[in-house]
């Protein structure tokens, strides 16, 4: 009799092991298969066996779910349980990404007030990040750095998007040095518009009308905020627009060069290496003749210890916030990542206004809010309406 029961349980168990679609939690955050409740895994099993037999099935399913957790999630699961561990890790990454990004923006702007050399400061950011990657790799923590050596083909696919990242980073810092942080981040909400145009020109992807309409409030809000911003100047505005353009190329070329053999941490480590190769000579050409005198003036204002400490810390903050942004993108859908970016800009603009006691005119505030709402609408529309891929030509 026991044998018959075992076989009756064993047969549905094989059926219950069909792949289960992940369930989305916390506003679109994707959930790994390990997070699916056990009820969903054994829903197809009819209660035809005694309670003891069914208990053994549940225990086995729990063990299988536990194996699907990565090492970090496994460590966290000892505190919060296997079911919540992936969500807790993802939310922790987002929190660290926000905190490091806010700290970077505030310290970066503070440095520009006594050391207005955006090319050099941009170079310091990536040089500190590269030194960090090399040291971490050297001590054996390869997964926290380059991961593994890449082939020439892989490096060539990374180089294009990485070069655009470096140029866009310098352009953004020129804007940060020239105008208020709030204006730079408001102008950078226009980045989706550049992505749409470049996707059409390079990838041949036409954008659905609802997505195009969502760009209207972004453009209107940026225009309104720029016209009402007290710190507005054309250098800050145009350099922020240049950053949008290069980051648009980074996004589009990144899709063409997408590879599954390297994780986000490794890709960003190699992006940092390429950025150093571009930023170092560029900084010497742009500011090399004034750099020594500028450093002397800055040290006279804030002291040598603070000067070098600030440069080191801002470089570490820049590298770590970008690394956590890449790590977050690996764990969530692109749409959820886009929503996170909108919330991040709100947090940065609000913190910068409070930290620097910045005066925002009513017009600038309204324009900023409209631009941020438009960015959220763009993210939502992009998730519902997919771009139309070009139709391949018919064979002759």
Foldseek 3Di string as FASTA:
>chain_A
DVVVLVVLQVVVLVVLPDQDAFDAPDVFQTDDSLQDDLCSSNVSRDPPHDPVVVVVSSVVNNVVSLVPDDPQLNVVCVPVNNNCSLVVVLVVLLVLLLVLVLVLLQLLLVLLVQQVQLLVLLLLLLVLLLVVQVVCVVVPVLLQHQVDDDDPLLLVLLLLLLVLVLLLSSLLSQLSSQFPPLLLLLLLLLLVVLLQVCCCVPQVWHFDPLLVVLSVLSVQLNVLLLVQGPSHDPSNNVSSVSSSNSNSSSVNSCVVSPDPPRALSSSVNSSSVSSNVPSPVVSCVPCVVPNVVSVVSSCVVPNDVVSVVSSSSSSVSSSSSSSSLRVSCVRGPPLVSLVSVLVSSVSNSVVSCVVVVDDGDPSNVVSSVSSSVSSNSSSVVCVVTPIDGDDDDDDD
